[in-house]
Amino acid sequence: MEMFRDHRLSVLGLTETWHDTDSPVFSRCRASGYSVIDRPRPRTRDDLSVNHGGVALVAAPGTLLSPLCTGSPSATLETVACYATTGRSRAAVVVVYPPGSQLVTPQFFIDLSSLLGKLVVLSVPLYVTGDFNVRLDRDTRHAEHLRLIYEPFGLQICCSVPTHRDGGILDLVAALENVSVTVCDVERSDHSLLL
């Protein structure tokens, strides 16, 4: 809620949320009038360990989130997608995260392409964001593969400066038009906030 206030956000996409279905943080957000659409990472053990992974979209009061069906979850891609509506403006927003902080695999690119194929047919602006675990500035092979996935759908990668505290471009925003993205350091994470 501080991030929404400090940066005047309407919608916030989150990766590596480390939450479970009954997250008290998201319950508090909902009780305060925020909309939340989330997909926690399924637990593999029934214990109190941290549930790494998970993705979510959170919207400020006055912005409506409506879930978009993107099909079954895949083993290579955690996603959450929605329509975000405020006033008469509407956009589709999707958050993407490859599970396990693993390097991307060929199947990741196949799953991402399939997901984008389902979303670009929507007749609204589309924003794809997340932590892609591809260092766009260092891993030229995977970075080029990622760009080649986006291009046929008319999507442009809109971030070209380091997004991680230790350097490297891991997080990105892609859109149907070139949008200005500001990278803002936040104390709560080793990843930057992309505005």
N, C-alpha and C. Protein backbone atom coordinates (compact mmCIF):
# COMPACT_ATOMS: atom_id res chain seq x y z
N MET A 1 0.83 -1.18 0.00
CA MET A 1 0.00 0.00 0.00
C MET A 1 0.88 1.25 0.00
N GLU A 2 2.05 1.15 0.66
CA GLU A 2 2.98 2.27 0.61
C GLU A 2 3.48 2.50 -0.82
N MET A 3 3.74 1.42 -1.55
CA MET A 3 4.21 1.55 -2.93
C MET A 3 3.15 2.25 -3.78
N PHE A 4 1.90 1.88 -3.59
CA PHE A 4 0.82 2.54 -4.33
C PHE A 4 0.79 4.03 -4.02
N ARG A 5 0.89 4.36 -2.76
CA ARG A 5 0.83 5.77 -2.35
C ARG A 5 2.06 6.53 -2.83
N ASP A 6 3.24 5.99 -2.58
CA ASP A 6 4.48 6.70 -2.89
C ASP A 6 4.68 6.91 -4.39
N HIS A 7 4.22 5.97 -5.19
CA HIS A 7 4.45 6.04 -6.64
C HIS A 7 3.18 6.29 -7.45
N ARG A 8 2.06 6.53 -6.76
CA ARG A 8 0.77 6.81 -7.42
C ARG A 8 0.43 5.73 -8.45
N LEU A 9 0.49 4.50 -8.01
CA LEU A 9 0.22 3.36 -8.89
C LEU A 9 -1.26 3.09 -9.02
N SER A 10 -1.66 2.58 -10.16
CA SER A 10 -3.02 2.06 -10.35
C SER A 10 -2.99 0.54 -10.26
N VAL A 11 -1.98 -0.06 -10.89
CA VAL A 11 -1.84 -1.52 -10.92
C VAL A 11 -0.39 -1.87 -10.63
N LEU A 12 -0.18 -2.91 -9.84
CA LEU A 12 1.16 -3.39 -9.51
C LEU A 12 1.24 -4.87 -9.81
N GLY A 13 2.19 -5.26 -10.65
CA GLY A 13 2.45 -6.67 -10.93
C GLY A 13 3.60 -7.15 -10.06
N LEU A 14 3.45 -8.31 -9.44
CA LEU A 14 4.45 -8.83 -8.52
C LEU A 14 4.88 -10.23 -8.93
N THR A 15 6.20 -10.48 -8.84
CA THR A 15 6.72 -11.83 -9.03
C THR A 15 7.42 -12.25 -7.74
N GLU A 16 7.65 -13.54 -7.61
CA GLU A 16 8.29 -14.10 -6.41
C GLU A 16 7.61 -13.57 -5.15
N THR A 17 6.31 -13.73 -5.10
CA THR A 17 5.52 -13.19 -3.98
C THR A 17 5.68 -14.00 -2.71
N TRP A 18 6.11 -15.23 -2.82
CA TRP A 18 6.34 -16.10 -1.66
C TRP A 18 5.08 -16.24 -0.83
N HIS A 19 3.93 -16.30 -1.46
CA HIS A 19 2.69 -16.36 -0.70
C HIS A 19 1.95 -17.67 -0.92
N ASP A 20 1.03 -17.94 -0.02
CA ASP A 20 0.13 -19.08 -0.13
C ASP A 20 -1.27 -18.55 -0.41
N THR A 21 -2.22 -19.44 -0.65
CA THR A 21 -3.58 -19.06 -0.98
C THR A 21 -4.21 -18.16 0.06
N ASP A 22 -3.93 -18.39 1.31
CA ASP A 22 -4.55 -17.62 2.39
C ASP A 22 -3.63 -16.49 2.88
N SER A 23 -2.94 -15.84 1.99
CA SER A 23 -1.97 -14.80 2.35
C SER A 23 -2.61 -13.67 3.16
N PRO A 24 -2.12 -13.41 4.37
CA PRO A 24 -2.66 -12.31 5.17
C PRO A 24 -2.35 -10.95 4.54
N VAL A 25 -1.26 -10.84 3.79
CA VAL A 25 -0.93 -9.57 3.14
C VAL A 25 -1.99 -9.22 2.10
N PHE A 26 -2.34 -10.20 1.26
CA PHE A 26 -3.36 -9.92 0.24
C PHE A 26 -4.74 -9.78 0.86
N SER A 27 -5.00 -10.48 1.95
CA SER A 27 -6.27 -10.30 2.67
C SER A 27 -6.38 -8.87 3.19
N ARG A 28 -5.27 -8.35 3.71
CA ARG A 28 -5.26 -6.96 4.20
C ARG A 28 -5.49 -5.99 3.05
N CYS A 29 -4.85 -6.23 1.92
CA CYS A 29 -5.06 -5.37 0.75
C CYS A 29 -6.54 -5.36 0.34
N ARG A 30 -7.13 -6.54 0.25
CA ARG A 30 -8.55 -6.63 -0.13
C ARG A 30 -9.43 -5.90 0.87
N ALA A 31 -9.14 -6.06 2.18
CA ALA A 31 -9.93 -5.39 3.21
C ALA A 31 -9.81 -3.87 3.12
N SER A 32 -8.71 -3.39 2.53
CA SER A 32 -8.49 -1.95 2.38
C SER A 32 -8.99 -1.42 1.04
N GLY A 33 -9.70 -2.26 0.27
CA GLY A 33 -10.30 -1.81 -0.98
C GLY A 33 -9.49 -2.07 -2.23
N TYR A 34 -8.33 -2.72 -2.10
CA TYR A 34 -7.52 -3.06 -3.26
C TYR A 34 -8.06 -4.35 -3.88
N SER A 35 -7.94 -4.45 -5.21
CA SER A 35 -8.28 -5.69 -5.91
C SER A 35 -7.01 -6.53 -6.03
N VAL A 36 -7.13 -7.83 -5.87
CA VAL A 36 -5.98 -8.73 -5.97
C VAL A 36 -6.37 -9.94 -6.80
N ILE A 37 -5.55 -10.24 -7.80
CA ILE A 37 -5.65 -11.50 -8.53
C ILE A 37 -4.29 -12.15 -8.40
N ASP A 38 -4.26 -13.34 -7.83
CA ASP A 38 -2.97 -13.96 -7.54
C ASP A 38 -2.95 -15.42 -7.94
N ARG A 39 -1.74 -15.91 -8.09
CA ARG A 39 -1.53 -17.34 -8.33
C ARG A 39 -0.32 -17.75 -7.50
N PRO A 40 -0.57 -18.28 -6.29
CA PRO A 40 0.56 -18.74 -5.49
C PRO A 40 1.19 -19.97 -6.14
N ARG A 41 2.46 -20.16 -5.87
CA ARG A 41 3.11 -21.38 -6.36
C ARG A 41 2.57 -22.55 -5.55
N PRO A 42 2.15 -23.62 -6.21
CA PRO A 42 1.68 -24.79 -5.45
C PRO A 42 2.78 -25.33 -4.57
N ARG A 43 2.41 -25.67 -3.35
CA ARG A 43 3.39 -26.23 -2.40
C ARG A 43 3.73 -27.67 -2.77
N THR A 44 5.02 -28.00 -2.63
CA THR A 44 5.45 -29.38 -2.86
C THR A 44 5.60 -30.12 -1.54
N ARG A 45 5.68 -29.34 -0.43
CA ARG A 45 5.79 -29.95 0.91
C ARG A 45 4.74 -29.30 1.80
N ASP A 46 4.21 -30.08 2.71
CA ASP A 46 3.23 -29.55 3.66
C ASP A 46 3.96 -29.19 4.96
N ASP A 47 4.62 -28.03 4.94
CA ASP A 47 5.34 -27.58 6.12
C ASP A 47 5.27 -26.05 6.18
N LEU A 48 6.02 -25.46 7.04
CA LEU A 48 5.98 -24.01 7.21
C LEU A 48 7.12 -23.29 6.48
N SER A 49 7.78 -23.98 5.55
CA SER A 49 8.87 -23.35 4.80
C SER A 49 8.33 -22.24 3.90
N VAL A 50 9.22 -21.35 3.48
CA VAL A 50 8.84 -20.26 2.59
C VAL A 50 8.40 -20.86 1.25
N ASN A 51 7.28 -20.39 0.76
CA ASN A 51 6.76 -20.85 -0.53
C ASN A 51 7.27 -19.91 -1.61
N HIS A 52 8.49 -20.14 -2.09
CA HIS A 52 9.09 -19.27 -3.10
C HIS A 52 8.22 -19.24 -4.34
N GLY A 53 8.38 -18.22 -5.14
CA GLY A 53 7.61 -18.09 -6.36
C GLY A 53 6.27 -17.45 -6.11
N GLY A 54 5.39 -17.57 -7.08
CA GLY A 54 4.08 -16.96 -7.02
C GLY A 54 4.06 -15.63 -7.74
N VAL A 55 2.90 -15.30 -8.30
CA VAL A 55 2.70 -14.04 -9.02
C VAL A 55 1.37 -13.43 -8.61
N ALA A 56 1.27 -12.11 -8.76
CA ALA A 56 0.03 -11.43 -8.38
C ALA A 56 -0.09 -10.11 -9.12
N LEU A 57 -1.32 -9.67 -9.27
CA LEU A 57 -1.65 -8.33 -9.74
C LEU A 57 -2.50 -7.68 -8.67
N VAL A 58 -2.16 -6.46 -8.30
CA VAL A 58 -2.89 -5.72 -7.28
C VAL A 58 -3.28 -4.38 -7.88
N ALA A 59 -4.52 -3.96 -7.63
CA ALA A 59 -4.99 -2.67 -8.17
C ALA A 59 -5.50 -1.80 -7.03
N ALA A 60 -5.24 -0.51 -7.17
CA ALA A 60 -5.68 0.47 -6.19
C ALA A 60 -7.20 0.58 -6.22
N PRO A 61 -7.80 1.03 -5.12
CA PRO A 61 -9.24 1.28 -5.12
C PRO A 61 -9.60 2.18 -6.30
N GLY A 62 -10.67 1.83 -6.99
CA GLY A 62 -11.09 2.58 -8.17
C GLY A 62 -10.65 1.95 -9.48
N THR A 63 -9.73 1.00 -9.41
CA THR A 63 -9.31 0.25 -10.59
C THR A 63 -9.81 -1.18 -10.44
N LEU A 64 -10.53 -1.65 -11.44
CA LEU A 64 -11.12 -2.98 -11.40
C LEU A 64 -10.24 -3.98 -12.13
N LEU A 65 -9.98 -5.11 -11.50
CA LEU A 65 -9.26 -6.21 -12.13
C LEU A 65 -10.24 -7.32 -12.45
N SER A 66 -10.22 -7.78 -13.69
CA SER A 66 -11.06 -8.91 -14.12
C SER A 66 -10.14 -9.99 -14.67
N PRO A 67 -10.16 -11.19 -14.09
CA PRO A 67 -9.22 -12.23 -14.53
C PRO A 67 -9.39 -12.59 -16.00
N LEU A 68 -8.29 -12.88 -16.65
CA LEU A 68 -8.28 -13.39 -18.02
C LEU A 68 -7.87 -14.85 -17.98
N CYS A 69 -8.57 -15.68 -18.70
CA CYS A 69 -8.22 -17.10 -18.77
C CYS A 69 -7.04 -17.26 -19.72
N THR A 70 -5.96 -17.82 -19.22
CA THR A 70 -4.78 -18.04 -20.06
C THR A 70 -4.47 -19.53 -20.21
N GLY A 71 -5.40 -20.37 -19.79
CA GLY A 71 -5.18 -21.80 -19.90
C GLY A 71 -4.55 -22.37 -18.64
N SER A 72 -4.18 -23.62 -18.72
CA SER A 72 -3.60 -24.32 -17.58
C SER A 72 -2.21 -23.81 -17.28
N PRO A 73 -1.84 -23.78 -16.00
CA PRO A 73 -0.47 -23.39 -15.67
C PRO A 73 0.52 -24.37 -16.30
N SER A 74 1.69 -23.86 -16.66
CA SER A 74 2.71 -24.74 -17.24
C SER A 74 3.84 -24.92 -16.23
N ALA A 75 4.67 -25.90 -16.47
CA ALA A 75 5.79 -26.16 -15.58
C ALA A 75 6.90 -25.12 -15.75
N THR A 76 6.86 -24.34 -16.82
CA THR A 76 7.94 -23.40 -17.09
C THR A 76 7.54 -21.94 -16.89
N LEU A 77 6.28 -21.69 -16.55
CA LEU A 77 5.80 -20.32 -16.57
C LEU A 77 4.71 -20.10 -15.53
N GLU A 78 4.99 -19.28 -14.52
CA GLU A 78 3.95 -18.85 -13.59
C GLU A 78 3.38 -17.57 -14.17
N THR A 79 2.05 -17.49 -14.29
CA THR A 79 1.43 -16.30 -14.88
C THR A 79 0.14 -15.95 -14.15
N VAL A 80 -0.18 -14.68 -14.22
CA VAL A 80 -1.48 -14.18 -13.82
C VAL A 80 -1.81 -13.07 -14.81
N ALA A 81 -3.05 -13.05 -15.29
CA ALA A 81 -3.44 -12.07 -16.31
C ALA A 81 -4.82 -11.52 -16.00
N CYS A 82 -5.03 -10.26 -16.39
CA CYS A 82 -6.33 -9.64 -16.13
C CYS A 82 -6.56 -8.47 -17.06
N TYR A 83 -7.82 -8.05 -17.11
CA TYR A 83 -8.15 -6.74 -17.63
C TYR A 83 -8.04 -5.79 -16.45
N ALA A 84 -7.44 -4.64 -16.66
CA ALA A 84 -7.42 -3.58 -15.66
C ALA A 84 -8.23 -2.42 -16.22
N THR A 85 -9.27 -2.03 -15.50
CA THR A 85 -10.18 -0.98 -15.97
C THR A 85 -10.23 0.14 -14.96
N THR A 86 -9.99 1.34 -15.43
CA THR A 86 -10.15 2.52 -14.60
C THR A 86 -10.83 3.59 -15.44
N GLY A 87 -11.97 4.06 -14.98
CA GLY A 87 -12.77 4.99 -15.79
C GLY A 87 -13.16 4.32 -17.09
N ARG A 88 -12.83 4.97 -18.21
CA ARG A 88 -13.14 4.38 -19.52
C ARG A 88 -11.92 3.74 -20.17
N SER A 89 -10.82 3.65 -19.43
CA SER A 89 -9.60 3.04 -19.95
C SER A 89 -9.52 1.58 -19.52
N ARG A 90 -9.12 0.74 -20.47
CA ARG A 90 -9.00 -0.69 -20.19
C ARG A 90 -7.75 -1.22 -20.87
N ALA A 91 -7.03 -2.09 -20.19
CA ALA A 91 -5.84 -2.73 -20.75
C ALA A 91 -5.78 -4.16 -20.23
N ALA A 92 -5.04 -4.98 -20.94
CA ALA A 92 -4.75 -6.33 -20.47
C ALA A 92 -3.34 -6.32 -19.90
N VAL A 93 -3.19 -6.91 -18.72
CA VAL A 93 -1.90 -6.95 -18.04
C VAL A 93 -1.61 -8.39 -17.66
N VAL A 94 -0.38 -8.83 -17.93
CA VAL A 94 0.02 -10.19 -17.56
C VAL A 94 1.38 -10.12 -16.87
N VAL A 95 1.52 -10.89 -15.79
CA VAL A 95 2.78 -11.01 -15.07
C VAL A 95 3.32 -12.41 -15.32
N VAL A 96 4.60 -12.49 -15.64
CA VAL A 96 5.25 -13.75 -16.02
C VAL A 96 6.45 -13.99 -15.12
N TYR A 97 6.62 -15.24 -14.71
CA TYR A 97 7.81 -15.61 -13.94
C TYR A 97 8.14 -17.08 -14.19
N PRO A 98 9.38 -17.40 -14.63
CA PRO A 98 9.76 -18.80 -14.75
C PRO A 98 10.00 -19.39 -13.36
N PRO A 99 9.34 -20.46 -12.99
CA PRO A 99 9.46 -21.01 -11.64
C PRO A 99 10.89 -21.41 -11.28
N GLY A 100 11.17 -21.27 -10.00
CA GLY A 100 12.39 -21.81 -9.45
C GLY A 100 13.66 -21.03 -9.72
N SER A 101 13.53 -19.81 -10.25
CA SER A 101 14.71 -19.01 -10.58
C SER A 101 15.69 -19.79 -11.45
N GLN A 102 15.17 -20.73 -12.21
CA GLN A 102 16.02 -21.52 -13.10
C GLN A 102 16.25 -20.77 -14.40
N LEU A 103 17.31 -21.11 -15.08
CA LEU A 103 17.52 -20.56 -16.41
C LEU A 103 16.39 -21.03 -17.31
N VAL A 104 16.03 -20.20 -18.26
CA VAL A 104 14.93 -20.55 -19.15
C VAL A 104 15.32 -21.72 -20.04
N THR A 105 14.32 -22.47 -20.44
CA THR A 105 14.50 -23.64 -21.29
C THR A 105 13.78 -23.41 -22.62
N PRO A 106 14.03 -24.23 -23.62
CA PRO A 106 13.26 -24.10 -24.87
C PRO A 106 11.75 -24.17 -24.63
N GLN A 107 11.31 -25.00 -23.67
CA GLN A 107 9.88 -25.09 -23.38
C GLN A 107 9.32 -23.78 -22.84
N PHE A 108 10.13 -23.03 -22.09
CA PHE A 108 9.71 -21.71 -21.61
C PHE A 108 9.30 -20.83 -22.78
N PHE A 109 10.11 -20.79 -23.83
CA PHE A 109 9.82 -19.95 -24.98
C PHE A 109 8.57 -20.43 -25.72
N ILE A 110 8.38 -21.74 -25.79
CA ILE A 110 7.17 -22.29 -26.42
C ILE A 110 5.94 -21.88 -25.61
N ASP A 111 6.01 -22.02 -24.28
CA ASP A 111 4.88 -21.66 -23.42
C ASP A 111 4.60 -20.16 -23.45
N LEU A 112 5.65 -19.35 -23.48
CA LEU A 112 5.48 -17.90 -23.56
C LEU A 112 4.82 -17.51 -24.88
N SER A 113 5.26 -18.10 -25.97
CA SER A 113 4.66 -17.82 -27.28
C SER A 113 3.19 -18.20 -27.31
N SER A 114 2.85 -19.34 -26.72
CA SER A 114 1.46 -19.77 -26.65
C SER A 114 0.62 -18.79 -25.83
N LEU A 115 1.16 -18.34 -24.71
CA LEU A 115 0.46 -17.37 -23.87
C LEU A 115 0.22 -16.07 -24.63
N LEU A 116 1.24 -15.56 -25.30
CA LEU A 116 1.11 -14.31 -26.04
C LEU A 116 0.09 -14.44 -27.17
N GLY A 117 0.04 -15.61 -27.80
CA GLY A 117 -0.95 -15.85 -28.86
C GLY A 117 -2.37 -15.73 -28.36
N LYS A 118 -2.61 -16.09 -27.11
CA LYS A 118 -3.94 -15.98 -26.52
C LYS A 118 -4.29 -14.55 -26.15
N LEU A 119 -3.27 -13.71 -25.89
CA LEU A 119 -3.51 -12.37 -25.38
C LEU A 119 -3.52 -11.29 -26.45
N VAL A 120 -2.75 -11.44 -27.52
CA VAL A 120 -2.67 -10.36 -28.51
C VAL A 120 -3.95 -10.21 -29.31
N VAL A 121 -4.84 -11.17 -29.26
CA VAL A 121 -6.11 -11.06 -29.98
C VAL A 121 -7.10 -10.14 -29.27
N LEU A 122 -6.79 -9.76 -28.04
CA LEU A 122 -7.66 -8.86 -27.30
C LEU A 122 -7.56 -7.47 -27.93
N SER A 123 -8.66 -6.78 -27.99
CA SER A 123 -8.65 -5.47 -28.66
C SER A 123 -8.44 -4.33 -27.66
N VAL A 124 -7.44 -4.50 -26.79
CA VAL A 124 -7.08 -3.48 -25.81
C VAL A 124 -5.55 -3.42 -25.75
N PRO A 125 -4.99 -2.35 -25.21
CA PRO A 125 -3.54 -2.33 -25.00
C PRO A 125 -3.12 -3.52 -24.14
N LEU A 126 -1.95 -4.07 -24.43
CA LEU A 126 -1.44 -5.24 -23.71
C LEU A 126 -0.08 -4.90 -23.12
N TYR A 127 0.09 -5.26 -21.83
CA TYR A 127 1.36 -5.07 -21.14
C TYR A 127 1.76 -6.41 -20.53
N VAL A 128 2.95 -6.86 -20.88
CA VAL A 128 3.50 -8.11 -20.35
C VAL A 128 4.70 -7.71 -19.50
N THR A 129 4.71 -8.13 -18.25
CA THR A 129 5.79 -7.74 -17.36
C THR A 129 6.18 -8.91 -16.48
N GLY A 130 7.33 -8.80 -15.86
CA GLY A 130 7.76 -9.84 -14.93
C GLY A 130 9.26 -9.97 -14.88
N ASP A 131 9.68 -10.95 -14.12
CA ASP A 131 11.09 -11.33 -14.00
C ASP A 131 11.26 -12.53 -14.91
N PHE A 132 11.99 -12.36 -16.00
CA PHE A 132 12.09 -13.40 -17.02
C PHE A 132 13.30 -14.30 -16.85
N ASN A 133 14.16 -14.01 -15.85
CA ASN A 133 15.38 -14.79 -15.64
C ASN A 133 16.22 -14.90 -16.91
N VAL A 134 16.10 -13.90 -17.77
CA VAL A 134 16.96 -13.77 -18.94
C VAL A 134 17.69 -12.44 -18.77
N ARG A 135 18.98 -12.47 -18.69
CA ARG A 135 19.75 -11.23 -18.57
C ARG A 135 19.89 -10.63 -19.97
N LEU A 136 18.97 -9.72 -20.28
CA LEU A 136 18.91 -9.17 -21.63
C LEU A 136 20.21 -8.50 -22.06
N ASP A 137 20.97 -8.01 -21.10
CA ASP A 137 22.21 -7.31 -21.42
C ASP A 137 23.43 -8.24 -21.44
N ARG A 138 23.29 -9.50 -21.01
CA ARG A 138 24.44 -10.40 -20.91
C ARG A 138 24.25 -11.71 -21.67
N ASP A 139 23.04 -12.21 -21.69
CA ASP A 139 22.75 -13.51 -22.31
C ASP A 139 22.17 -13.25 -23.70
N THR A 140 23.05 -12.99 -24.67
CA THR A 140 22.58 -12.56 -25.98
C THR A 140 21.73 -13.61 -26.70
N ARG A 141 22.05 -14.88 -26.51
CA ARG A 141 21.28 -15.94 -27.19
C ARG A 141 19.83 -15.96 -26.71
N HIS A 142 19.62 -16.00 -25.39
CA HIS A 142 18.26 -16.03 -24.87
C HIS A 142 17.56 -14.69 -25.04
N ALA A 143 18.30 -13.59 -24.94
CA ALA A 143 17.72 -12.26 -25.15
C ALA A 143 17.18 -12.14 -26.57
N GLU A 144 17.95 -12.62 -27.54
CA GLU A 144 17.50 -12.57 -28.93
C GLU A 144 16.29 -13.48 -29.13
N HIS A 145 16.30 -14.65 -28.51
CA HIS A 145 15.16 -15.56 -28.60
C HIS A 145 13.91 -14.90 -28.03
N LEU A 146 14.06 -14.21 -26.91
CA LEU A 146 12.93 -13.50 -26.30
C LEU A 146 12.40 -12.42 -27.23
N ARG A 147 13.30 -11.66 -27.81
CA ARG A 147 12.86 -10.61 -28.76
C ARG A 147 12.14 -11.23 -29.95
N LEU A 148 12.65 -12.36 -30.44
CA LEU A 148 12.02 -13.02 -31.59
C LEU A 148 10.64 -13.58 -31.24
N ILE A 149 10.42 -13.91 -29.97
CA ILE A 149 9.09 -14.36 -29.54
C ILE A 149 8.12 -13.18 -29.57
N TYR A 150 8.56 -12.02 -29.10
CA TYR A 150 7.70 -10.84 -29.02
C TYR A 150 7.36 -10.22 -30.37
N GLU A 151 8.32 -10.14 -31.27
CA GLU A 151 8.15 -9.41 -32.52
C GLU A 151 6.95 -9.84 -33.35
N PRO A 152 6.70 -11.13 -33.58
CA PRO A 152 5.54 -11.50 -34.41
C PRO A 152 4.21 -11.05 -33.83
N PHE A 153 4.18 -10.81 -32.53
CA PHE A 153 2.96 -10.35 -31.88
C PHE A 153 2.89 -8.83 -31.81
N GLY A 154 3.89 -8.15 -32.36
CA GLY A 154 3.90 -6.70 -32.36
C GLY A 154 4.29 -6.09 -31.02
N LEU A 155 4.87 -6.90 -30.14
CA LEU A 155 5.25 -6.40 -28.81
C LEU A 155 6.69 -5.90 -28.81
N GLN A 156 6.92 -4.81 -28.10
CA GLN A 156 8.25 -4.23 -27.97
C GLN A 156 8.72 -4.32 -26.52
N ILE A 157 9.96 -4.67 -26.32
CA ILE A 157 10.53 -4.66 -24.98
C ILE A 157 10.89 -3.22 -24.65
N CYS A 158 10.37 -2.74 -23.53
CA CYS A 158 10.46 -1.32 -23.20
C CYS A 158 11.39 -1.01 -22.04
N CYS A 159 12.37 -1.84 -21.76
CA CYS A 159 13.29 -1.57 -20.67
C CYS A 159 14.70 -1.92 -21.12
N SER A 160 15.64 -1.01 -20.92
CA SER A 160 17.00 -1.26 -21.40
C SER A 160 18.08 -0.86 -20.40
N VAL A 161 17.71 -0.72 -19.14
CA VAL A 161 18.70 -0.40 -18.11
C VAL A 161 18.63 -1.48 -17.03
N PRO A 162 19.70 -1.65 -16.25
CA PRO A 162 19.69 -2.69 -15.21
C PRO A 162 18.50 -2.59 -14.27
N THR A 163 17.94 -3.74 -13.92
CA THR A 163 16.77 -3.80 -13.05
C THR A 163 17.04 -4.58 -11.77
N HIS A 164 18.24 -5.12 -11.63
CA HIS A 164 18.59 -5.91 -10.46
C HIS A 164 19.70 -5.20 -9.68
N ARG A 165 19.64 -5.32 -8.39
CA ARG A 165 20.63 -4.66 -7.52
C ARG A 165 22.06 -5.06 -7.88
N ASP A 166 22.28 -6.30 -8.30
CA ASP A 166 23.61 -6.76 -8.67
C ASP A 166 23.90 -6.54 -10.16
N GLY A 167 23.09 -5.75 -10.81
CA GLY A 167 23.27 -5.46 -12.23
C GLY A 167 22.49 -6.44 -13.10
N GLY A 168 22.35 -6.12 -14.33
CA GLY A 168 21.65 -6.98 -15.28
C GLY A 168 20.20 -6.58 -15.46
N ILE A 169 19.71 -6.82 -16.65
CA ILE A 169 18.31 -6.56 -16.99
C ILE A 169 17.58 -7.89 -16.92
N LEU A 170 16.88 -8.14 -15.81
CA LEU A 170 16.13 -9.38 -15.62
C LEU A 170 14.63 -9.15 -15.76
N ASP A 171 14.20 -7.95 -15.44
CA ASP A 171 12.78 -7.62 -15.41
C ASP A 171 12.49 -6.75 -16.62
N LEU A 172 11.29 -6.90 -17.16
CA LEU A 172 10.97 -6.09 -18.32
C LEU A 172 9.48 -5.83 -18.42
N VAL A 173 9.19 -4.86 -19.25
CA VAL A 173 7.82 -4.57 -19.66
C VAL A 173 7.83 -4.65 -21.17
N ALA A 174 6.87 -5.35 -21.74
CA ALA A 174 6.70 -5.37 -23.19
C ALA A 174 5.29 -4.89 -23.48
N ALA A 175 5.15 -4.13 -24.55
CA ALA A 175 3.85 -3.56 -24.89
C ALA A 175 3.70 -3.48 -26.39
N LEU A 176 2.47 -3.24 -26.84
CA LEU A 176 2.20 -3.13 -28.27
C LEU A 176 2.72 -1.82 -28.84
N GLU A 177 3.07 -0.90 -27.96
CA GLU A 177 3.69 0.35 -28.40
C GLU A 177 4.85 0.62 -27.46
N ASN A 178 5.78 1.42 -27.91
CA ASN A 178 6.93 1.74 -27.05
C ASN A 178 6.48 2.68 -25.94
N VAL A 179 6.59 2.23 -24.71
CA VAL A 179 6.22 3.05 -23.58
C VAL A 179 7.47 3.38 -22.78
N SER A 180 7.46 4.55 -22.17
CA SER A 180 8.59 4.96 -21.35
C SER A 180 8.54 4.20 -20.03
N VAL A 181 9.65 3.56 -19.66
CA VAL A 181 9.73 2.81 -18.42
C VAL A 181 10.85 3.41 -17.57
N THR A 182 10.50 3.75 -16.35
CA THR A 182 11.47 4.26 -15.39
C THR A 182 11.79 3.15 -14.40
N VAL A 183 13.06 2.95 -14.13
CA VAL A 183 13.50 1.93 -13.18
C VAL A 183 13.77 2.62 -11.85
N CYS A 184 13.05 2.17 -10.82
CA CYS A 184 13.11 2.81 -9.51
C CYS A 184 13.59 1.80 -8.46
N ASP A 185 14.65 2.13 -7.76
CA ASP A 185 15.17 1.26 -6.71
C ASP A 185 14.20 1.27 -5.53
N VAL A 186 13.93 0.09 -5.00
CA VAL A 186 13.09 -0.02 -3.81
C VAL A 186 13.84 -0.84 -2.77
N GLU A 187 13.69 -0.47 -1.53
CA GLU A 187 14.42 -1.15 -0.47
C GLU A 187 13.89 -2.55 -0.19
N ARG A 188 12.69 -2.84 -0.57
CA ARG A 188 12.04 -4.10 -0.21
C ARG A 188 12.48 -5.29 -1.06
N SER A 189 13.25 -5.04 -2.11
CA SER A 189 13.58 -6.12 -3.04
C SER A 189 14.94 -5.87 -3.66
N ASP A 190 15.56 -6.96 -4.15
CA ASP A 190 16.79 -6.80 -4.92
C ASP A 190 16.48 -6.50 -6.39
N HIS A 191 15.21 -6.54 -6.74
CA HIS A 191 14.76 -6.15 -8.08
C HIS A 191 14.15 -4.76 -7.99
N SER A 192 14.27 -4.01 -9.08
CA SER A 192 13.73 -2.65 -9.12
C SER A 192 12.23 -2.67 -9.44
N LEU A 193 11.60 -1.55 -9.15
CA LEU A 193 10.22 -1.31 -9.54
C LEU A 193 10.27 -0.68 -10.92
N LEU A 194 9.55 -1.24 -11.88
CA LEU A 194 9.48 -0.66 -13.22
C LEU A 194 8.20 0.15 -13.31
N LEU A 195 8.35 1.45 -13.52
CA LEU A 195 7.19 2.33 -13.60
C LEU A 195 6.91 2.66 -15.05
